[in-house]
Amino acid sequence: MIPGFQEIMLPLLKQLKDGKEYQADELLNLIAPKFNVTEDEKKELLPSGKDYVFRNRIGWAKIHMKKAGLIDNFKRGYYRITERGIDVLKQNPALINISYLNQFKEFAEFRNAKKETDQDNLEIEKIEPELLNTQTPEELLEESYQSIRKELAQDILERILKLSPSFFERLVVELLVKMGYGGSMQDAGRAIGKSGDEGIDGVIKEDKLGLDIIYIQAKRWQPGNIVGRPEIHKFIGALVGQGAKKGIFITTSSFTKDAVNFIPRNETKVVLIDGIRLSQLMIDYSLGVTLQHSYEIKKIDSDYFEE
């Protein structure tokens, strides 16, 4: 199990007690065995996919101890213990965490800086001792983002199911155009064939030049009405009849396991998009949603400070 970043602080400081400089990746590999972190756990990613959980937690442990003056990085990418850090180890603390670090003036000022300018942080402070025991601030932010995104995706799907089939037709066309298919909205609209009561069927350009076409089938089905393998067979048969090799099957419900695992023996390629993925794509391509807030996460540009 990957330890919380506060659990990492004391073992990390003890690793540095010899006074040597350690490179960041070297510290990671030395700390991992102390918590029995496996190779698979080392590769576990944050929800954003932009960093590894274990690496991120070690990074936040270093940041907090550096703010408290226990360690420092005298040159880029390398860390070593300070005199204060050595004094701390002489006291043989059972644990080093945020509460322990608050005794140092520099760390307390670092922690209180935001609270003085942002009253919202008062609410964060109430839950912080429990949550930050395992999660870094970055993990908490990403977890909150994913939770908001999941709720938004579900809301989108519920809205789609309440609207008319003609609205769903237009939605599918708009989404595909935003994703780069169909050329202009006018071209895409002409490419879509006649609709049925439960969705649309037709063809759309694969690119703006129309070098190839993609056959589309879209089913605005209720969640309990799952698309099975027979429906995929029919769709592939339609592709063969049209002389097409590429298809997209979109549904507001879901697909059975057999449908998902079915692979045509010919050269036909079929992409299945269920309701969850449909709503996620709408979020990614800003269809039916508006930007409410935007937050930028920045880090130091070490190259700028090189002399």
C-alpha atoms as a PDB file:
ATOM      1  CA  MET A   1       0.000   0.000   0.000  1.00  0.00           C
ATOM      2  CA  ILE A   2       1.310   3.451  -0.901  1.00  0.00           C
ATOM      3  CA  PRO A   3       1.945   5.477   2.291  1.00  0.00           C
ATOM      4  CA  GLY A   4       0.527   8.944   2.882  1.00  0.00           C
ATOM      5  CA  PHE A   5       2.926  11.806   2.341  1.00  0.00           C
ATOM      6  CA  GLN A   6       3.032  12.578   6.080  1.00  0.00           C
ATOM      7  CA  GLU A   7       4.098   8.991   6.819  1.00  0.00           C
ATOM      8  CA  ILE A   8       6.996   9.466   4.417  1.00  0.00           C
ATOM      9  CA  MET A   9       8.495  12.484   6.194  1.00  0.00           C
ATOM     10  CA  LEU A  10      10.382  10.796   9.053  1.00  0.00           C
ATOM     11  CA  PRO A  11      11.840   7.884   7.002  1.00  0.00           C
ATOM     12  CA  LEU A  12      12.869  10.403   4.334  1.00  0.00           C
ATOM     13  CA  LEU A  13      14.639  12.608   6.884  1.00  0.00           C
ATOM     14  CA  LYS A  14      16.385   9.573   8.388  1.00  0.00           C
ATOM     15  CA  GLN A  15      17.581   8.588   4.909  1.00  0.00           C
ATOM     16  CA  LEU A  16      19.252  11.990   4.634  1.00  0.00           C
ATOM     17  CA  LYS A  17      20.883  11.911   8.089  1.00  0.00           C
ATOM     18  CA  ASP A  18      24.303  11.004   6.667  1.00  0.00           C
ATOM     19  CA  GLY A  19      24.569  14.517   5.231  1.00  0.00           C
ATOM     20  CA  LYS A  20      25.001  13.337   1.656  1.00  0.00           C
ATOM     21  CA  GLU A  21      23.171  14.819  -1.300  1.00  0.00           C
ATOM     22  CA  TYR A  22      20.564  12.535  -2.817  1.00  0.00           C
ATOM     23  CA  GLN A  23      18.953  12.836  -6.222  1.00  0.00           C
ATOM     24  CA  ALA A  24      15.119  12.767  -6.271  1.00  0.00           C
ATOM     25  CA  ASP A  25      14.760   9.402  -8.055  1.00  0.00           C
ATOM     26  CA  GLU A  26      17.448   7.893  -5.828  1.00  0.00           C
ATOM     27  CA  LEU A  27      15.440   8.889  -2.756  1.00  0.00           C
ATOM     28  CA  LEU A  28      12.311   7.363  -4.256  1.00  0.00           C
ATOM     29  CA  ASN A  29      14.014   3.993  -4.743  1.00  0.00           C
ATOM     30  CA  LEU A  30      15.508   4.075  -1.228  1.00  0.00           C
ATOM     31  CA  ILE A  31      12.228   4.962   0.477  1.00  0.00           C
ATOM     32  CA  ALA A  32      10.032   2.446  -1.414  1.00  0.00           C
ATOM     33  CA  PRO A  33      11.403  -0.688   0.367  1.00  0.00           C
ATOM     34  CA  LYS A  34      10.769   0.893   3.771  1.00  0.00           C
ATOM     35  CA  PHE A  35       7.029   0.767   3.012  1.00  0.00           C
ATOM     36  CA  ASN A  36       7.092  -2.387   0.849  1.00  0.00           C
ATOM     37  CA  VAL A  37       5.929  -0.358  -2.145  1.00  0.00           C
ATOM     38  CA  THR A  38       5.842  -2.703  -5.144  1.00  0.00           C
ATOM     39  CA  GLU A  39       6.909  -1.914  -8.702  1.00  0.00           C
ATOM     40  CA  ASP A  40       3.257  -1.889  -9.753  1.00  0.00           C
ATOM     41  CA  GLU A  41       2.425   0.591  -6.997  1.00  0.00           C
ATOM     42  CA  LYS A  42       5.301   2.803  -8.155  1.00  0.00           C
ATOM     43  CA  LYS A  43       3.591   2.958 -11.557  1.00  0.00           C
ATOM     44  CA  GLU A  44       0.177   3.903 -10.143  1.00  0.00           C
ATOM     45  CA  LEU A  45      -0.868   7.221 -11.676  1.00  0.00           C
ATOM     46  CA  LEU A  46      -2.814  10.183 -10.377  1.00  0.00           C
ATOM     47  CA  PRO A  47      -6.265  10.593 -11.995  1.00  0.00           C
ATOM     48  CA  SER A  48      -4.783  13.169 -14.384  1.00  0.00           C
ATOM     49  CA  GLY A  49      -2.208  10.624 -15.564  1.00  0.00           C
ATOM     50  CA  LYS A  50       0.498  13.298 -15.366  1.00  0.00           C
ATOM     51  CA  ASP A  51       2.416  11.994 -12.357  1.00  0.00           C
ATOM     52  CA  TYR A  52       2.877   8.874 -10.249  1.00  0.00           C
ATOM     53  CA  VAL A  53       1.098   8.742  -6.866  1.00  0.00           C
ATOM     54  CA  PHE A  54       4.160   7.578  -4.904  1.00  0.00           C
ATOM     55  CA  ARG A  55       6.488  10.091  -6.571  1.00  0.00           C
ATOM     56  CA  ASN A  56       3.940  12.834  -5.949  1.00  0.00           C
ATOM     57  CA  ARG A  57       3.640  11.986  -2.257  1.00  0.00           C
ATOM     58  CA  ILE A  58       7.400  11.949  -1.783  1.00  0.00           C
ATOM     59  CA  GLY A  59       7.501  15.306  -3.533  1.00  0.00           C
ATOM     60  CA  TRP A  60       4.979  16.802  -1.121  1.00  0.00           C
ATOM     61  CA  ALA A  61       6.836  15.332   1.863  1.00  0.00           C
ATOM     62  CA  LYS A  62       9.979  17.102   0.626  1.00  0.00           C
ATOM     63  CA  ILE A  63       8.126  20.369   0.061  1.00  0.00           C
ATOM     64  CA  HIS A  64       6.718  20.414   3.605  1.00  0.00           C
ATOM     65  CA  MET A  65      10.026  19.543   5.262  1.00  0.00           C
ATOM     66  CA  LYS A  66      11.841  22.099   3.142  1.00  0.00           C
ATOM     67  CA  LYS A  67       9.354  24.784   4.194  1.00  0.00           C
ATOM     68  CA  ALA A  68      10.066  23.793   7.806  1.00  0.00           C
ATOM     69  CA  GLY A  69      13.808  24.083   7.201  1.00  0.00           C
ATOM     70  CA  LEU A  70      14.593  20.399   7.819  1.00  0.00           C
ATOM     71  CA  ILE A  71      15.947  19.717   4.336  1.00  0.00           C
ATOM     72  CA  ASP A  72      17.075  21.800   1.397  1.00  0.00           C
ATOM     73  CA  ASN A  73      18.057  21.321  -2.219  1.00  0.00           C
ATOM     74  CA  PHE A  74      21.264  23.223  -2.686  1.00  0.00           C
ATOM     75  CA  LYS A  75      21.428  22.303  -6.342  1.00  0.00           C
ATOM     76  CA  ARG A  76      18.752  21.345  -8.811  1.00  0.00           C
ATOM     77  CA  GLY A  77      17.175  17.924  -8.234  1.00  0.00           C
ATOM     78  CA  TYR A  78      19.314  17.067  -5.172  1.00  0.00           C
ATOM     79  CA  TYR A  79      18.373  17.119  -1.483  1.00  0.00           C
ATOM     80  CA  ARG A  80      20.243  17.006   1.816  1.00  0.00           C
ATOM     81  CA  ILE A  81      19.497  17.454   5.485  1.00  0.00           C
ATOM     82  CA  THR A  82      19.990  20.804   7.273  1.00  0.00           C
ATOM     83  CA  GLU A  83      21.327  21.508  10.754  1.00  0.00           C
ATOM     84  CA  ARG A  84      17.742  21.859  11.940  1.00  0.00           C
ATOM     85  CA  GLY A  85      16.911  18.492  10.431  1.00  0.00           C
ATOM     86  CA  ILE A  86      19.809  16.896  12.283  1.00  0.00           C
ATOM     87  CA  ASP A  87      18.625  18.484  15.544  1.00  0.00           C
ATOM     88  CA  VAL A  88      15.133  17.093  14.942  1.00  0.00           C
ATOM     89  CA  LEU A  89      16.467  13.550  14.515  1.00  0.00           C
ATOM     90  CA  LYS A  90      18.465  13.899  17.742  1.00  0.00           C
ATOM     91  CA  GLN A  91      15.153  14.370  19.531  1.00  0.00           C
ATOM     92  CA  ASN A  92      14.091  10.941  18.183  1.00  0.00           C
ATOM     93  CA  PRO A  93      10.513  11.920  17.227  1.00  0.00           C
ATOM     94  CA  ALA A  94       8.018   9.097  16.811  1.00  0.00           C
ATOM     95  CA  LEU A  95       6.407  10.879  13.877  1.00  0.00           C
ATOM     96  CA  ILE A  96       6.924  13.916  11.704  1.00  0.00           C
ATOM     97  CA  ASN A  97       3.716  15.334  10.261  1.00  0.00           C
ATOM     98  CA  ILE A  98       2.039  18.683   9.640  1.00  0.00           C
ATOM     99  CA  SER A  99       1.217  19.139  13.332  1.00  0.00           C
ATOM    100  CA  TYR A 100       4.864  18.516  14.246  1.00  0.00           C
ATOM    101  CA  LEU A 101       6.166  20.921  11.601  1.00  0.00           C
ATOM    102  CA  ASN A 102       3.874  23.702  12.827  1.00  0.00           C
ATOM    103  CA  GLN A 103       6.346  24.363  15.661  1.00  0.00           C
ATOM    104  CA  PHE A 104       8.690  25.972  13.145  1.00  0.00           C
ATOM    105  CA  LYS A 105       7.954  29.626  12.397  1.00  0.00           C
ATOM    106  CA  GLU A 106       8.728  29.393   8.669  1.00  0.00           C
ATOM    107  CA  PHE A 107       6.379  26.452   8.203  1.00  0.00           C
ATOM    108  CA  ALA A 108       3.575  28.051  10.225  1.00  0.00           C
ATOM    109  CA  GLU A 109       3.856  31.193   8.070  1.00  0.00           C
ATOM    110  CA  PHE A 110       3.740  29.044   4.936  1.00  0.00           C
ATOM    111  CA  ARG A 111       0.614  27.277   6.182  1.00  0.00           C
ATOM    112  CA  ASN A 112      -1.138  30.433   7.316  1.00  0.00           C
ATOM    113  CA  ALA A 113      -0.437  32.549   4.254  1.00  0.00           C
ATOM    114  CA  LYS A 114      -3.502  31.375   2.309  1.00  0.00           C
ATOM    115  CA  LYS A 115      -5.825  31.391   5.287  1.00  0.00           C
ATOM    116  CA  GLU A 116      -5.276  35.125   5.776  1.00  0.00           C
ATOM    117  CA  THR A 117      -6.429  35.900   2.226  1.00  0.00           C
ATOM    118  CA  ASP A 118      -8.970  33.161   1.533  1.00  0.00           C
ATOM    119  CA  GLN A 119     -11.718  32.492   4.061  1.00  0.00           C
ATOM    120  CA  ASP A 120     -12.782  29.369   2.122  1.00  0.00           C
ATOM    121  CA  ASN A 121      -9.710  27.625   3.474  1.00  0.00           C
ATOM    122  CA  LEU A 122     -11.323  27.613   6.892  1.00  0.00           C
ATOM    123  CA  GLU A 123     -13.579  24.817   5.641  1.00  0.00           C
ATOM    124  CA  ILE A 124     -10.607  22.941   4.172  1.00  0.00           C
ATOM    125  CA  GLU A 125      -8.814  23.142   7.494  1.00  0.00           C
ATOM    126  CA  LYS A 126     -11.660  21.294   9.225  1.00  0.00           C
ATOM    127  CA  ILE A 127     -11.218  18.153   7.094  1.00  0.00           C
ATOM    128  CA  GLU A 128      -7.485  18.420   6.451  1.00  0.00           C
ATOM    129  CA  PRO A 129      -6.055  16.439   9.424  1.00  0.00           C
ATOM    130  CA  GLU A 130      -7.968  13.311   8.381  1.00  0.00           C
ATOM    131  CA  LEU A 131      -7.641  13.512   4.598  1.00  0.00           C
ATOM    132  CA  LEU A 132      -4.096  14.784   4.285  1.00  0.00           C
ATOM    133  CA  ASN A 133      -2.876  11.846   6.334  1.00  0.00           C
ATOM    134  CA  THR A 134      -2.812   9.885   3.074  1.00  0.00           C
ATOM    135  CA  GLN A 135      -3.502  12.329   0.248  1.00  0.00           C
ATOM    136  CA  THR A 136      -1.467  15.262  -0.971  1.00  0.00           C
ATOM    137  CA  PRO A 137      -3.132  18.610  -1.783  1.00  0.00           C
ATOM    138  CA  GLU A 138      -2.729  17.773  -5.458  1.00  0.00           C
ATOM    139  CA  GLU A 139      -4.476  14.424  -5.004  1.00  0.00           C
ATOM    140  CA  LEU A 140      -7.343  16.080  -3.144  1.00  0.00           C
ATOM    141  CA  LEU A 141      -7.740  18.611  -5.948  1.00  0.00           C
ATOM    142  CA  GLU A 142      -7.742  15.903  -8.611  1.00  0.00           C
ATOM    143  CA  GLU A 143     -10.150  13.732  -6.635  1.00  0.00           C
ATOM    144  CA  SER A 144     -12.544  16.668  -6.316  1.00  0.00           C
ATOM    145  CA  TYR A 145     -12.227  17.381 -10.044  1.00  0.00           C
ATOM    146  CA  GLN A 146     -13.007  13.775 -10.964  1.00  0.00           C
ATOM    147  CA  SER A 147     -15.994  13.752  -8.605  1.00  0.00           C
ATOM    148  CA  ILE A 148     -17.394  16.932 -10.177  1.00  0.00           C
ATOM    149  CA  ARG A 149     -16.763  15.563 -13.668  1.00  0.00           C
ATOM    150  CA  LYS A 150     -18.510  12.262 -12.867  1.00  0.00           C
ATOM    151  CA  GLU A 151     -21.554  14.072 -11.508  1.00  0.00           C
ATOM    152  CA  LEU A 152     -21.633  16.360 -14.563  1.00  0.00           C
ATOM    153  CA  ALA A 153     -21.419  13.382 -16.948  1.00  0.00           C
ATOM    154  CA  GLN A 154     -24.371  11.715 -15.241  1.00  0.00           C
ATOM    155  CA  ASP A 155     -26.377  14.941 -15.425  1.00  0.00           C
ATOM    156  CA  ILE A 156     -25.627  15.238 -19.169  1.00  0.00           C
ATOM    157  CA  LEU A 157     -26.842  11.699 -19.805  1.00  0.00           C
ATOM    158  CA  GLU A 158     -30.055  12.268 -17.858  1.00  0.00           C
ATOM    159  CA  ARG A 159     -30.740  15.430 -19.877  1.00  0.00           C
ATOM    160  CA  ILE A 160     -30.195  13.615 -23.189  1.00  0.00           C
ATOM    161  CA  LEU A 161     -32.662  10.871 -22.273  1.00  0.00           C
ATOM    162  CA  LYS A 162     -35.368  13.435 -21.534  1.00  0.00           C
ATOM    163  CA  LEU A 163     -35.067  15.167 -24.925  1.00  0.00           C
ATOM    164  CA  SER A 164     -36.378  14.233 -28.368  1.00  0.00           C
ATOM    165  CA  PRO A 165     -34.716  11.852 -30.857  1.00  0.00           C
ATOM    166  CA  SER A 166     -34.209  14.797 -33.236  1.00  0.00           C
ATOM    167  CA  PHE A 167     -32.235  16.607 -30.558  1.00  0.00           C
ATOM    168  CA  PHE A 168     -30.088  13.512 -30.104  1.00  0.00           C
ATOM    169  CA  GLU A 169     -29.477  13.433 -33.877  1.00  0.00           C
ATOM    170  CA  ARG A 170     -28.185  16.983 -33.802  1.00  0.00           C
ATOM    171  CA  LEU A 171     -26.114  16.308 -30.676  1.00  0.00           C
ATOM    172  CA  VAL A 172     -24.322  13.354 -32.292  1.00  0.00           C
ATOM    173  CA  VAL A 173     -23.575  15.375 -35.419  1.00  0.00           C
ATOM    174  CA  GLU A 174     -22.251  18.333 -33.411  1.00  0.00           C
ATOM    175  CA  LEU A 175     -20.044  16.090 -31.276  1.00  0.00           C
ATOM    176  CA  LEU A 176     -18.517  14.348 -34.296  1.00  0.00           C
ATOM    177  CA  VAL A 177     -17.818  17.697 -35.972  1.00  0.00           C
ATOM    178  CA  LYS A 178     -16.143  18.990 -32.791  1.00  0.00           C
ATOM    179  CA  MET A 179     -14.015  15.836 -32.793  1.00  0.00           C
ATOM    180  CA  GLY A 180     -12.837  16.612 -36.335  1.00  0.00           C
ATOM    181  CA  TYR A 181     -15.218  14.490 -38.394  1.00  0.00           C
ATOM    182  CA  GLY A 182     -17.672  15.569 -41.070  1.00  0.00           C
ATOM    183  CA  GLY A 183     -16.013  18.746 -42.283  1.00  0.00           C
ATOM    184  CA  SER A 184     -18.382  21.648 -41.628  1.00  0.00           C
ATOM    185  CA  MET A 185     -21.594  21.360 -39.640  1.00  0.00           C
ATOM    186  CA  GLN A 186     -23.510  21.820 -42.916  1.00  0.00           C
ATOM    187  CA  ASP A 187     -21.628  18.976 -44.602  1.00  0.00           C
ATOM    188  CA  ALA A 188     -22.149  16.705 -41.605  1.00  0.00           C
ATOM    189  CA  GLY A 189     -25.864  17.451 -41.516  1.00  0.00           C
ATOM    190  CA  ARG A 190     -26.262  16.373 -45.119  1.00  0.00           C
ATOM    191  CA  ALA A 191     -24.189  13.252 -44.540  1.00  0.00           C
ATOM    192  CA  ILE A 192     -26.492  11.885 -41.839  1.00  0.00           C
ATOM    193  CA  GLY A 193     -29.181   9.589 -43.216  1.00  0.00           C
ATOM    194  CA  LYS A 194     -32.826   9.430 -42.215  1.00  0.00           C
ATOM    195  CA  SER A 195     -33.555   8.911 -38.573  1.00  0.00           C
ATOM    196  CA  GLY A 196     -35.617   6.356 -36.743  1.00  0.00           C
ATOM    197  CA  ASP A 197     -37.546   6.689 -33.530  1.00  0.00           C
ATOM    198  CA  GLU A 198     -34.616   5.488 -31.393  1.00  0.00           C
ATOM    199  CA  GLY A 199     -31.664   7.192 -33.064  1.00  0.00           C
ATOM    200  CA  ILE A 200     -29.931   7.972 -36.352  1.00  0.00           C
ATOM    201  CA  ASP A 201     -28.189   5.956 -39.052  1.00  0.00           C
ATOM    202  CA  GLY A 202     -26.016   7.355 -41.806  1.00  0.00           C
ATOM    203  CA  VAL A 203     -22.543   8.193 -42.994  1.00  0.00           C
ATOM    204  CA  ILE A 204     -20.209  11.051 -42.229  1.00  0.00           C
ATOM    205  CA  LYS A 205     -16.868  12.162 -43.602  1.00  0.00           C
ATOM    206  CA  GLU A 206     -13.848  10.875 -41.722  1.00  0.00           C
ATOM    207  CA  ASP A 207     -11.998  14.142 -42.329  1.00  0.00           C
ATOM    208  CA  LYS A 208     -12.615  17.587 -43.769  1.00  0.00           C
ATOM    209  CA  LEU A 209     -11.496  16.465 -47.234  1.00  0.00           C
ATOM    210  CA  GLY A 210     -13.841  13.502 -47.283  1.00  0.00           C
ATOM    211  CA  LEU A 211     -11.114  10.987 -48.143  1.00  0.00           C
ATOM    212  CA  ASP A 212     -13.093   8.259 -46.380  1.00  0.00           C
ATOM    213  CA  ILE A 213     -16.487   7.832 -44.761  1.00  0.00           C
ATOM    214  CA  ILE A 214     -17.632   6.376 -41.481  1.00  0.00           C
ATOM    215  CA  TYR A 215     -20.980   4.640 -41.020  1.00  0.00           C
ATOM    216  CA  ILE A 216     -22.829   5.700 -37.880  1.00  0.00           C
ATOM    217  CA  GLN A 217     -25.523   4.075 -35.838  1.00  0.00           C
ATOM    218  CA  ALA A 218     -26.856   5.879 -32.766  1.00  0.00           C
ATOM    219  CA  LYS A 219     -29.405   4.510 -30.317  1.00  0.00           C
ATOM    220  CA  ARG A 220     -31.056   6.756 -27.724  1.00  0.00           C
ATOM    221  CA  TRP A 221     -31.932   3.851 -25.468  1.00  0.00           C
ATOM    222  CA  GLN A 222     -32.798   3.833 -21.786  1.00  0.00           C
ATOM    223  CA  PRO A 223     -30.065   2.541 -19.397  1.00  0.00           C
ATOM    224  CA  GLY A 224     -31.743  -0.848 -18.883  1.00  0.00           C
ATOM    225  CA  ASN A 225     -31.976  -1.499 -22.629  1.00  0.00           C
ATOM    226  CA  ILE A 226     -28.466  -2.851 -23.171  1.00  0.00           C
ATOM    227  CA  VAL A 227     -27.012  -3.264 -26.675  1.00  0.00           C
ATOM    228  CA  GLY A 228     -26.039  -6.881 -27.278  1.00  0.00           C
ATOM    229  CA  ARG A 229     -23.881  -8.728 -29.761  1.00  0.00           C
ATOM    230  CA  PRO A 230     -26.767  -9.296 -32.240  1.00  0.00           C
ATOM    231  CA  GLU A 231     -27.095  -5.522 -32.696  1.00  0.00           C
ATOM    232  CA  ILE A 232     -23.384  -5.278 -33.448  1.00  0.00           C
ATOM    233  CA  HIS A 233     -23.719  -8.128 -35.976  1.00  0.00           C
ATOM    234  CA  LYS A 234     -26.504  -6.222 -37.745  1.00  0.00           C
ATOM    235  CA  PHE A 235     -24.408  -3.072 -37.749  1.00  0.00           C
ATOM    236  CA  ILE A 236     -21.430  -4.846 -39.291  1.00  0.00           C
ATOM    237  CA  GLY A 237     -23.741  -6.373 -41.875  1.00  0.00           C
ATOM    238  CA  ALA A 238     -24.924  -2.875 -42.750  1.00  0.00           C
ATOM    239  CA  LEU A 239     -21.305  -1.783 -43.136  1.00  0.00           C
ATOM    240  CA  VAL A 240     -20.585  -4.656 -45.516  1.00  0.00           C
ATOM    241  CA  GLY A 241     -23.692  -3.806 -47.510  1.00  0.00           C
ATOM    242  CA  GLN A 242     -22.520  -0.213 -47.869  1.00  0.00           C
ATOM    243  CA  GLY A 243     -18.965  -1.257 -48.753  1.00  0.00           C
ATOM    244  CA  ALA A 244     -17.708   0.568 -45.663  1.00  0.00           C
ATOM    245  CA  LYS A 245     -14.893  -0.587 -43.388  1.00  0.00           C
ATOM    246  CA  LYS A 246     -15.295   1.836 -40.485  1.00  0.00           C
ATOM    247  CA  GLY A 247     -18.196   2.372 -38.111  1.00  0.00           C
ATOM    248  CA  ILE A 248     -19.187   4.085 -34.887  1.00  0.00           C
ATOM    249  CA  PHE A 249     -22.006   2.672 -32.757  1.00  0.00           C
ATOM    250  CA  ILE A 250     -23.242   5.210 -30.203  1.00  0.00           C
ATOM    251  CA  THR A 251     -25.767   4.458 -27.497  1.00  0.00           C
ATOM    252  CA  THR A 252     -27.010   6.284 -24.434  1.00  0.00           C
ATOM    253  CA  SER A 253     -27.219   2.942 -22.612  1.00  0.00           C
ATOM    254  CA  SER A 254     -24.391   0.368 -22.501  1.00  0.00           C
ATOM    255  CA  PHE A 255     -23.037  -2.721 -24.257  1.00  0.00           C
ATOM    256  CA  THR A 256     -22.976  -6.317 -23.092  1.00  0.00           C
ATOM    257  CA  LYS A 257     -19.612  -7.957 -22.508  1.00  0.00           C
ATOM    258  CA  ASP A 258     -20.095 -10.113 -25.625  1.00  0.00           C
ATOM    259  CA  ALA A 259     -20.733  -6.998 -27.702  1.00  0.00           C
ATOM    260  CA  VAL A 260     -17.624  -5.269 -26.378  1.00  0.00           C
ATOM    261  CA  ASN A 261     -15.397  -8.314 -26.917  1.00  0.00           C
ATOM    262  CA  PHE A 262     -16.671  -9.078 -30.423  1.00  0.00           C
ATOM    263  CA  ILE A 263     -14.002  -8.527 -33.090  1.00  0.00           C
ATOM    264  CA  PRO A 264     -15.006  -8.789 -36.781  1.00  0.00           C
ATOM    265  CA  ARG A 265     -12.957 -11.279 -38.795  1.00  0.00           C
ATOM    266  CA  ASN A 266     -12.802  -9.012 -41.814  1.00  0.00           C
ATOM    267  CA  GLU A 267     -11.138  -5.594 -42.086  1.00  0.00           C
ATOM    268  CA  THR A 268     -14.112  -3.811 -40.567  1.00  0.00           C
ATOM    269  CA  LYS A 269     -13.300  -1.569 -37.603  1.00  0.00           C
ATOM    270  CA  VAL A 270     -16.067  -0.646 -35.199  1.00  0.00           C
ATOM    271  CA  VAL A 271     -15.859   1.777 -32.273  1.00  0.00           C
ATOM    272  CA  LEU A 272     -18.441   1.412 -29.500  1.00  0.00           C
ATOM    273  CA  ILE A 273     -19.406   4.494 -27.499  1.00  0.00           C
ATOM    274  CA  ASP A 274     -21.704   3.948 -24.525  1.00  0.00           C
ATOM    275  CA  GLY A 275     -23.582   6.569 -22.531  1.00  0.00           C
ATOM    276  CA  ILE A 276     -20.770   7.155 -20.055  1.00  0.00           C
ATOM    277  CA  ARG A 277     -18.171   7.686 -22.755  1.00  0.00           C
ATOM    278  CA  LEU A 278     -20.593   9.832 -24.773  1.00  0.00           C
ATOM    279  CA  SER A 279     -21.076  12.217 -21.856  1.00  0.00           C
ATOM    280  CA  GLN A 280     -17.323  12.263 -21.144  1.00  0.00           C
ATOM    281  CA  LEU A 281     -16.617  13.170 -24.771  1.00  0.00           C
ATOM    282  CA  MET A 282     -19.156  15.980 -24.543  1.00  0.00           C
ATOM    283  CA  ILE A 283     -17.255  17.352 -21.539  1.00  0.00           C
ATOM    284  CA  ASP A 284     -13.871  16.970 -23.281  1.00  0.00           C
ATOM    285  CA  TYR A 285     -15.088  18.766 -26.412  1.00  0.00           C
ATOM    286  CA  SER A 286     -17.192  21.370 -24.555  1.00  0.00           C
ATOM    287  CA  LEU A 287     -20.548  20.368 -26.021  1.00  0.00           C
ATOM    288  CA  GLY A 288     -23.563  21.182 -23.851  1.00  0.00           C
ATOM    289  CA  VAL A 289     -21.337  22.448 -21.019  1.00  0.00           C
ATOM    290  CA  THR A 290     -19.871  25.817 -20.098  1.00  0.00           C
ATOM    291  CA  LEU A 291     -16.699  26.706 -18.217  1.00  0.00           C
ATOM    292  CA  GLN A 292     -17.524  27.759 -14.661  1.00  0.00           C
ATOM    293  CA  HIS A 293     -14.081  28.055 -13.085  1.00  0.00           C
ATOM    294  CA  SER A 294     -10.510  27.511 -14.260  1.00  0.00           C
ATOM    295  CA  TYR A 295      -7.568  26.784 -11.971  1.00  0.00           C
ATOM    296  CA  GLU A 296      -3.928  26.692 -13.048  1.00  0.00           C
ATOM    297  CA  ILE A 297      -1.442  24.520 -11.155  1.00  0.00           C
ATOM    298  CA  LYS A 298       2.066  25.892 -11.598  1.00  0.00           C
ATOM    299  CA  LYS A 299       5.489  24.795 -10.408  1.00  0.00           C
ATOM    300  CA  ILE A 300       8.865  26.449 -10.217  1.00  0.00           C
ATOM    301  CA  ASP A 301      10.819  26.842 -13.459  1.00  0.00           C
ATOM    302  CA  SER A 302      14.248  25.690 -12.347  1.00  0.00           C
ATOM    303  CA  ASP A 303      15.839  26.605 -15.674  1.00  0.00           C
ATOM    304  CA  TYR A 304      14.936  30.273 -15.139  1.00  0.00           C
ATOM    305  CA  PHE A 305      16.922  30.445 -11.894  1.00  0.00           C
ATOM    306  CA  GLU A 306      20.069  28.804 -13.334  1.00  0.00           C
ATOM    307  CA  GLU A 307      23.019  31.219 -13.557  1.00  0.00           C
END
